[in-house]
Amino acid sequence: IGLIERHVWVTVKGLDRSGREVRVKAQN
């Protein structure tokens, strides 16, 4: 295992399984 620094929150843009654009706002 490693102790890794990551952003506390991110917004990720991509396509869902149907090809529609989605954005996921994630934290922790």
PDB file of all heavy atoms in Angstrom:
ATOM      1  N   ILE A   1       0.856  -1.174   0.000  1.00  0.00           N
ATOM      2  CA  ILE A   1       0.000   0.000   0.000  1.00  0.00           C
ATOM      3  C   ILE A   1       0.892   1.224   0.000  1.00  0.00           C
ATOM      4  O   ILE A   1       2.065   1.163   0.387  1.00  0.00           O
ATOM      5  CB  ILE A   1      -0.963   0.052   1.216  1.00  0.00           C
ATOM      6  CG1 ILE A   1      -0.196   0.072   2.534  1.00  0.00           C
ATOM      7  CG2 ILE A   1      -1.976  -1.067   1.161  1.00  0.00           C
ATOM      8  CD1 ILE A   1      -1.070   0.388   3.736  1.00  0.00           C
ATOM      9  N   GLY A   2       0.330   2.322  -0.440  1.00  0.00           N
ATOM     10  CA  GLY A   2       1.077   3.575  -0.435  1.00  0.00           C
ATOM     11  C   GLY A   2       0.241   4.678   0.159  1.00  0.00           C
ATOM     12  O   GLY A   2      -0.992   4.629   0.108  1.00  0.00           O
ATOM     13  N   LEU A   3       0.902   5.650   0.751  1.00  0.00           N
ATOM     14  CA  LEU A   3       0.236   6.849   1.248  1.00  0.00           C
ATOM     15  C   LEU A   3       0.322   7.884   0.136  1.00  0.00           C
ATOM     16  O   LEU A   3       1.404   8.390  -0.176  1.00  0.00           O
ATOM     17  CB  LEU A   3       0.911   7.347   2.526  1.00  0.00           C
ATOM     18  CG  LEU A   3       0.887   6.355   3.686  1.00  0.00           C
ATOM     19  CD1 LEU A   3       1.710   6.878   4.855  1.00  0.00           C
ATOM     20  CD2 LEU A   3      -0.538   6.067   4.120  1.00  0.00           C
ATOM     21  N   ILE A   4      -0.827   8.143  -0.480  1.00  0.00           N
ATOM     22  CA  ILE A   4      -0.877   8.927  -1.713  1.00  0.00           C
ATOM     23  C   ILE A   4      -1.712  10.180  -1.507  1.00  0.00           C
ATOM     24  O   ILE A   4      -2.792  10.124  -0.933  1.00  0.00           O
ATOM     25  CB  ILE A   4      -1.517   8.086  -2.855  1.00  0.00           C
ATOM     26  CG1 ILE A   4      -0.831   6.723  -2.989  1.00  0.00           C
ATOM     27  CG2 ILE A   4      -1.535   8.855  -4.170  1.00  0.00           C
ATOM     28  CD1 ILE A   4       0.631   6.762  -3.315  1.00  0.00           C
ATOM     29  N   GLU A   5      -1.229  11.308  -2.008  1.00  0.00           N
ATOM     30  CA  GLU A   5      -1.986  12.548  -1.955  1.00  0.00           C
ATOM     31  C   GLU A   5      -2.941  12.613  -3.144  1.00  0.00           C
ATOM     32  O   GLU A   5      -2.536  12.374  -4.289  1.00  0.00           O
ATOM     33  CB  GLU A   5      -1.047  13.753  -1.982  1.00  0.00           C
ATOM     34  CG  GLU A   5      -0.277  13.929  -0.700  1.00  0.00           C
ATOM     35  CD  GLU A   5       0.563  15.193  -0.688  1.00  0.00           C
ATOM     36  OE1 GLU A   5       0.665  15.873  -1.727  1.00  0.00           O
ATOM     37  OE2 GLU A   5       1.120  15.492   0.382  1.00  0.00           O
ATOM     38  N   ARG A   6      -4.201  12.899  -2.857  1.00  0.00           N
ATOM     39  CA  ARG A   6      -5.229  13.059  -3.899  1.00  0.00           C
ATOM     40  C   ARG A   6      -6.066  14.287  -3.580  1.00  0.00           C
ATOM     41  O   ARG A   6      -6.187  14.687  -2.421  1.00  0.00           O
ATOM     42  CB  ARG A   6      -6.160  11.840  -3.940  1.00  0.00           C
ATOM     43  CG  ARG A   6      -5.513  10.523  -4.287  1.00  0.00           C
ATOM     44  CD  ARG A   6      -5.262  10.398  -5.757  1.00  0.00           C
ATOM     45  NE  ARG A   6      -4.817   9.034  -6.076  1.00  0.00           N
ATOM     46  CZ  ARG A   6      -4.414   8.663  -7.275  1.00  0.00           C
ATOM     47  NH1 ARG A   6      -4.389   9.519  -8.267  1.00  0.00           N
ATOM     48  NH2 ARG A   6      -4.019   7.424  -7.490  1.00  0.00           N
ATOM     49  N   HIS A   7      -6.699  14.830  -4.612  1.00  0.00           N
ATOM     50  CA  HIS A   7      -7.642  15.930  -4.419  1.00  0.00           C
ATOM     51  C   HIS A   7      -8.798  15.436  -3.553  1.00  0.00           C
ATOM     52  O   HIS A   7      -9.265  14.306  -3.716  1.00  0.00           O
ATOM     53  CB  HIS A   7      -8.174  16.430  -5.755  1.00  0.00           C
ATOM     54  CG  HIS A   7      -7.106  16.969  -6.651  1.00  0.00           C
ATOM     55  ND1 HIS A   7      -6.546  18.214  -6.466  1.00  0.00           N
ATOM     56  CD2 HIS A   7      -6.482  16.420  -7.725  1.00  0.00           C
ATOM     57  CE1 HIS A   7      -5.623  18.409  -7.393  1.00  0.00           C
ATOM     58  NE2 HIS A   7      -5.570  17.342  -8.165  1.00  0.00           N
ATOM     59  N   VAL A   8      -9.296  16.291  -2.662  1.00  0.00           N
ATOM     60  CA  VAL A   8     -10.388  15.930  -1.763  1.00  0.00           C
ATOM     61  C   VAL A   8     -11.699  15.788  -2.542  1.00  0.00           C
ATOM     62  O   VAL A   8     -12.526  14.952  -2.221  1.00  0.00           O
ATOM     63  CB  VAL A   8     -10.517  16.969  -0.633  1.00  0.00           C
ATOM     64  CG1 VAL A   8     -11.736  16.701   0.228  1.00  0.00           C
ATOM     65  CG2 VAL A   8      -9.264  16.963   0.221  1.00  0.00           C
ATOM     66  N   TRP A   9     -11.880  16.608  -3.567  1.00  0.00           N
ATOM     67  CA  TRP A   9     -13.060  16.457  -4.424  1.00  0.00           C
ATOM     68  C   TRP A   9     -12.660  16.674  -5.880  1.00  0.00           C
ATOM     69  O   TRP A   9     -11.682  17.363  -6.168  1.00  0.00           O
ATOM     70  CB  TRP A   9     -14.207  17.388  -4.014  1.00  0.00           C
ATOM     71  CG  TRP A   9     -13.913  18.864  -4.098  1.00  0.00           C
ATOM     72  CD1 TRP A   9     -13.564  19.671  -3.062  1.00  0.00           C
ATOM     73  CD2 TRP A   9     -13.936  19.694  -5.270  1.00  0.00           C
ATOM     74  NE1 TRP A   9     -13.370  20.960  -3.516  1.00  0.00           N
ATOM     75  CE2 TRP A   9     -13.594  21.010  -4.863  1.00  0.00           C
ATOM     76  CE3 TRP A   9     -14.205  19.468  -6.613  1.00  0.00           C
ATOM     77  CZ2 TRP A   9     -13.517  22.073  -5.749  1.00  0.00           C
ATOM     78  CZ3 TRP A   9     -14.121  20.532  -7.513  1.00  0.00           C
ATOM     79  CH2 TRP A   9     -13.792  21.822  -7.075  1.00  0.00           C
ATOM     80  N   VAL A  10     -13.403  16.036  -6.766  1.00  0.00           N
ATOM     81  CA  VAL A  10     -13.197  16.190  -8.208  1.00  0.00           C
ATOM     82  C   VAL A  10     -14.553  16.200  -8.913  1.00  0.00           C
ATOM     83  O   VAL A  10     -15.531  15.662  -8.406  1.00  0.00           O
ATOM     84  CB  VAL A  10     -12.334  15.053  -8.823  1.00  0.00           C
ATOM     85  CG1 VAL A  10     -10.910  15.100  -8.320  1.00  0.00           C
ATOM     86  CG2 VAL A  10     -12.956  13.694  -8.588  1.00  0.00           C
ATOM     87  N   THR A  11     -14.571  16.821 -10.072  1.00  0.00           N
ATOM     88  CA  THR A  11     -15.704  16.696 -10.992  1.00  0.00           C
ATOM     89  C   THR A  11     -15.171  15.975 -12.218  1.00  0.00           C
ATOM     90  O   THR A  11     -14.167  16.396 -12.809  1.00  0.00           O
ATOM     91  CB  THR A  11     -16.280  18.065 -11.393  1.00  0.00           C
ATOM     92  OG1 THR A  11     -16.706  18.748 -10.210  1.00  0.00           O
ATOM     93  CG2 THR A  11     -17.469  17.898 -12.331  1.00  0.00           C
ATOM     94  N   VAL A  12     -15.809  14.870 -12.551  1.00  0.00           N
ATOM     95  CA  VAL A  12     -15.381  14.047 -13.681  1.00  0.00           C
ATOM     96  C   VAL A  12     -16.459  14.105 -14.755  1.00  0.00           C
ATOM     97  O   VAL A  12     -17.644  13.947 -14.464  1.00  0.00           O
ATOM     98  CB  VAL A  12     -15.149  12.582 -13.239  1.00  0.00           C
ATOM     99  CG1 VAL A  12     -14.797  11.697 -14.429  1.00  0.00           C
ATOM    100  CG2 VAL A  12     -14.050  12.514 -12.188  1.00  0.00           C
ATOM    101  N   LYS A  13     -16.031  14.337 -15.985  1.00  0.00           N
ATOM    102  CA  LYS A  13     -16.942  14.358 -17.125  1.00  0.00           C
ATOM    103  C   LYS A  13     -16.667  13.127 -17.976  1.00  0.00           C
ATOM    104  O   LYS A  13     -15.512  12.726 -18.148  1.00  0.00           O
ATOM    105  CB  LYS A  13     -16.714  15.622 -17.950  1.00  0.00           C
ATOM    106  CG  LYS A  13     -17.605  15.725 -19.184  1.00  0.00           C
ATOM    107  CD  LYS A  13     -17.397  17.041 -19.910  1.00  0.00           C
ATOM    108  CE  LYS A  13     -16.183  16.950 -20.795  1.00  0.00           C
ATOM    109  NZ  LYS A  13     -16.035  18.106 -21.704  1.00  0.00           N
ATOM    110  N   GLY A  14     -17.710  12.503 -18.484  1.00  0.00           N
ATOM    111  CA  GLY A  14     -17.554  11.351 -19.364  1.00  0.00           C
ATOM    112  C   GLY A  14     -18.895  11.023 -19.997  1.00  0.00           C
ATOM    113  O   GLY A  14     -19.850  11.799 -19.913  1.00  0.00           O
ATOM    114  N   LEU A  15     -18.952   9.878 -20.622  1.00  0.00           N
ATOM    115  CA  LEU A  15     -20.198   9.393 -21.210  1.00  0.00           C
ATOM    116  C   LEU A  15     -20.702   8.219 -20.389  1.00  0.00           C
ATOM    117  O   LEU A  15     -19.909   7.418 -19.893  1.00  0.00           O
ATOM    118  CB  LEU A  15     -19.974   8.946 -22.659  1.00  0.00           C
ATOM    119  CG  LEU A  15     -19.386   9.987 -23.615  1.00  0.00           C
ATOM    120  CD1 LEU A  15     -19.143   9.365 -24.989  1.00  0.00           C
ATOM    121  CD2 LEU A  15     -20.282  11.208 -23.725  1.00  0.00           C
ATOM    122  N   ASP A  16     -22.034   8.102 -20.278  1.00  0.00           N
ATOM    123  CA  ASP A  16     -22.584   6.925 -19.604  1.00  0.00           C
ATOM    124  C   ASP A  16     -22.695   5.787 -20.618  1.00  0.00           C
ATOM    125  O   ASP A  16     -22.279   5.920 -21.776  1.00  0.00           O
ATOM    126  CB  ASP A  16     -23.920   7.235 -18.915  1.00  0.00           C
ATOM    127  CG  ASP A  16     -25.061   7.550 -19.876  1.00  0.00           C
ATOM    128  OD1 ASP A  16     -24.924   7.333 -21.108  1.00  0.00           O
ATOM    129  OD2 ASP A  16     -26.112   8.017 -19.400  1.00  0.00           O
ATOM    130  N   ARG A  17     -23.269   4.660 -20.200  1.00  0.00           N
ATOM    131  CA  ARG A  17     -23.333   3.481 -21.070  1.00  0.00           C
ATOM    132  C   ARG A  17     -24.185   3.717 -22.305  1.00  0.00           C
ATOM    133  O   ARG A  17     -24.068   3.004 -23.293  1.00  0.00           O
ATOM    134  CB  ARG A  17     -23.871   2.278 -20.299  1.00  0.00           C
ATOM    135  CG  ARG A  17     -22.935   1.874 -19.184  1.00  0.00           C
ATOM    136  CD  ARG A  17     -23.347   0.635 -18.470  1.00  0.00           C
ATOM    137  NE  ARG A  17     -24.787   0.525 -18.279  1.00  0.00           N
ATOM    138  CZ  ARG A  17     -25.385  -0.503 -17.739  1.00  0.00           C
ATOM    139  NH1 ARG A  17     -24.660  -1.524 -17.323  1.00  0.00           N
ATOM    140  NH2 ARG A  17     -26.677  -0.542 -17.584  1.00  0.00           N
ATOM    141  N   SER A  18     -25.051   4.726 -22.268  1.00  0.00           N
ATOM    142  CA  SER A  18     -25.899   5.043 -23.419  1.00  0.00           C
ATOM    143  C   SER A  18     -25.288   6.117 -24.308  1.00  0.00           C
ATOM    144  O   SER A  18     -25.907   6.535 -25.282  1.00  0.00           O
ATOM    145  CB  SER A  18     -27.278   5.508 -22.934  1.00  0.00           C
ATOM    146  OG  SER A  18     -27.866   4.529 -22.125  1.00  0.00           O
ATOM    147  N   GLY A  19     -24.105   6.585 -23.956  1.00  0.00           N
ATOM    148  CA  GLY A  19     -23.446   7.593 -24.772  1.00  0.00           C
ATOM    149  C   GLY A  19     -23.828   9.021 -24.427  1.00  0.00           C
ATOM    150  O   GLY A  19     -23.441   9.954 -25.123  1.00  0.00           O
ATOM    151  N   ARG A  20     -24.580   9.201 -23.341  1.00  0.00           N
ATOM    152  CA  ARG A  20     -24.957  10.552 -22.906  1.00  0.00           C
ATOM    153  C   ARG A  20     -23.858  11.128 -22.019  1.00  0.00           C
ATOM    154  O   ARG A  20     -23.284  10.415 -21.196  1.00  0.00           O
ATOM    155  CB  ARG A  20     -26.265  10.518 -22.114  1.00  0.00           C
ATOM    156  CG  ARG A  20     -27.487  10.172 -22.954  1.00  0.00           C
ATOM    157  CD  ARG A  20     -28.747  10.250 -22.096  1.00  0.00           C
ATOM    158  NE  ARG A  20     -28.680   9.303 -20.996  1.00  0.00           N
ATOM    159  CZ  ARG A  20     -29.407   8.180 -20.922  1.00  0.00           C
ATOM    160  NH1 ARG A  20     -30.266   7.872 -21.860  1.00  0.00           N
ATOM    161  NH2 ARG A  20     -29.272   7.377 -19.893  1.00  0.00           N
ATOM    162  N   GLU A  21     -23.621  12.430 -22.171  1.00  0.00           N
ATOM    163  CA  GLU A  21     -22.607  13.069 -21.323  1.00  0.00           C
ATOM    164  C   GLU A  21     -23.112  13.164 -19.893  1.00  0.00           C
ATOM    165  O   GLU A  21     -24.263  13.519 -19.653  1.00  0.00           O
ATOM    166  CB  GLU A  21     -22.273  14.469 -21.832  1.00  0.00           C
ATOM    167  CG  GLU A  21     -21.123  15.089 -21.045  1.00  0.00           C
ATOM    168  CD  GLU A  21     -20.681  16.437 -21.565  1.00  0.00           C
ATOM    169  OE1 GLU A  21     -20.192  16.487 -22.717  1.00  0.00           O
ATOM    170  OE2 GLU A  21     -20.825  17.416 -20.812  1.00  0.00           O
ATOM    171  N   VAL A  22     -22.243  12.802 -18.949  1.00  0.00           N
ATOM    172  CA  VAL A  22     -22.566  12.896 -17.532  1.00  0.00           C
ATOM    173  C   VAL A  22     -21.405  13.570 -16.811  1.00  0.00           C
ATOM    174  O   VAL A  22     -20.271  13.557 -17.285  1.00  0.00           O
ATOM    175  CB  VAL A  22     -22.840  11.507 -16.891  1.00  0.00           C
ATOM    176  CG1 VAL A  22     -24.111  10.902 -17.430  1.00  0.00           C
ATOM    177  CG2 VAL A  22     -21.665  10.569 -17.080  1.00  0.00           C
ATOM    178  N   ARG A  23     -21.737  14.128 -15.672  1.00  0.00           N
ATOM    179  CA  ARG A  23     -20.723  14.689 -14.784  1.00  0.00           C
ATOM    180  C   ARG A  23     -20.933  14.084 -13.407  1.00  0.00           C
ATOM    181  O   ARG A  23     -22.072  13.996 -12.949  1.00  0.00           O
ATOM    182  CB  ARG A  23     -20.843  16.206 -14.706  1.00  0.00           C
ATOM    183  CG  ARG A  23     -20.403  16.868 -15.988  1.00  0.00           C
ATOM    184  CD  ARG A  23     -20.689  18.347 -15.992  1.00  0.00           C
ATOM    185  NE  ARG A  23     -20.489  18.846 -17.340  1.00  0.00           N
ATOM    186  CZ  ARG A  23     -19.567  19.735 -17.667  1.00  0.00           C
ATOM    187  NH1 ARG A  23     -18.780  20.241 -16.748  1.00  0.00           N
ATOM    188  NH2 ARG A  23     -19.437  20.124 -18.903  1.00  0.00           N
ATOM    189  N   VAL A  24     -19.861  13.659 -12.807  1.00  0.00           N
ATOM    190  CA  VAL A  24     -19.922  13.095 -11.462  1.00  0.00           C
ATOM    191  C   VAL A  24     -19.130  14.014 -10.551  1.00  0.00           C
ATOM    192  O   VAL A  24     -17.946  14.260 -10.781  1.00  0.00           O
ATOM    193  CB  VAL A  24     -19.326  11.663 -11.423  1.00  0.00           C
ATOM    194  CG1 VAL A  24     -19.333  11.127 -10.001  1.00  0.00           C
ATOM    195  CG2 VAL A  24     -20.058  10.741 -12.370  1.00  0.00           C
ATOM    196  N   LYS A  25     -19.816  14.535  -9.530  1.00  0.00           N
ATOM    197  CA  LYS A  25     -19.142  15.328  -8.506  1.00  0.00           C
ATOM    198  C   LYS A  25     -18.889  14.388  -7.342  1.00  0.00           C
ATOM    199  O   LYS A  25     -19.824  13.830  -6.779  1.00  0.00           O
ATOM    200  CB  LYS A  25     -20.008  16.509  -8.083  1.00  0.00           C
ATOM    201  CG  LYS A  25     -20.171  17.522  -9.195  1.00  0.00           C
ATOM    202  CD  LYS A  25     -21.021  18.693  -8.784  1.00  0.00           C
ATOM    203  CE  LYS A  25     -21.137  19.664  -9.950  1.00  0.00           C
ATOM    204  NZ  LYS A  25     -21.986  20.803  -9.635  1.00  0.00           N
ATOM    205  N   ALA A  26     -17.630  14.184  -7.026  1.00  0.00           N
ATOM    206  CA  ALA A  26     -17.270  13.194  -6.009  1.00  0.00           C
ATOM    207  C   ALA A  26     -16.364  13.831  -4.971  1.00  0.00           C
ATOM    208  O   ALA A  26     -15.569  14.717  -5.278  1.00  0.00           O
ATOM    209  CB  ALA A  26     -16.568  12.012  -6.665  1.00  0.00           C
ATOM    210  N   GLN A  27     -16.498  13.326  -3.747  1.00  0.00           N
ATOM    211  CA  GLN A  27     -15.603  13.787  -2.688  1.00  0.00           C
ATOM    212  C   GLN A  27     -15.098  12.593  -1.896  1.00  0.00           C
ATOM    213  O   GLN A  27     -15.622  11.492  -2.008  1.00  0.00           O
ATOM    214  CB  GLN A  27     -16.293  14.796  -1.785  1.00  0.00           C
ATOM    215  CG  GLN A  27     -17.562  14.291  -1.136  1.00  0.00           C
ATOM    216  CD  GLN A  27     -18.332  15.407  -0.428  1.00  0.00           C
ATOM    217  OE1 GLN A  27     -18.080  16.581  -0.646  1.00  0.00           O
ATOM    218  NE2 GLN A  27     -19.264  15.023   0.419  1.00  0.00           N
ATOM    219  N   ASN A  28     -14.053  12.848  -1.123  1.00  0.00           N
ATOM    220  CA  ASN A  28     -13.474  11.857  -0.216  1.00  0.00           C
ATOM    221  C   ASN A  28     -13.108  10.554  -0.922  1.00  0.00           C
ATOM    222  O   ASN A  28     -12.364  10.563  -1.896  1.00  0.00           O
ATOM    223  CB  ASN A  28     -14.405  11.648   0.987  1.00  0.00           C
ATOM    224  CG  ASN A  28     -14.692  12.953   1.710  1.00  0.00           C
ATOM    225  OD1 ASN A  28     -13.809  13.814   1.810  1.00  0.00           O
ATOM    226  ND2 ASN A  28     -15.906  13.136   2.171  1.00  0.00           N
TER     227      ASN A  28
END
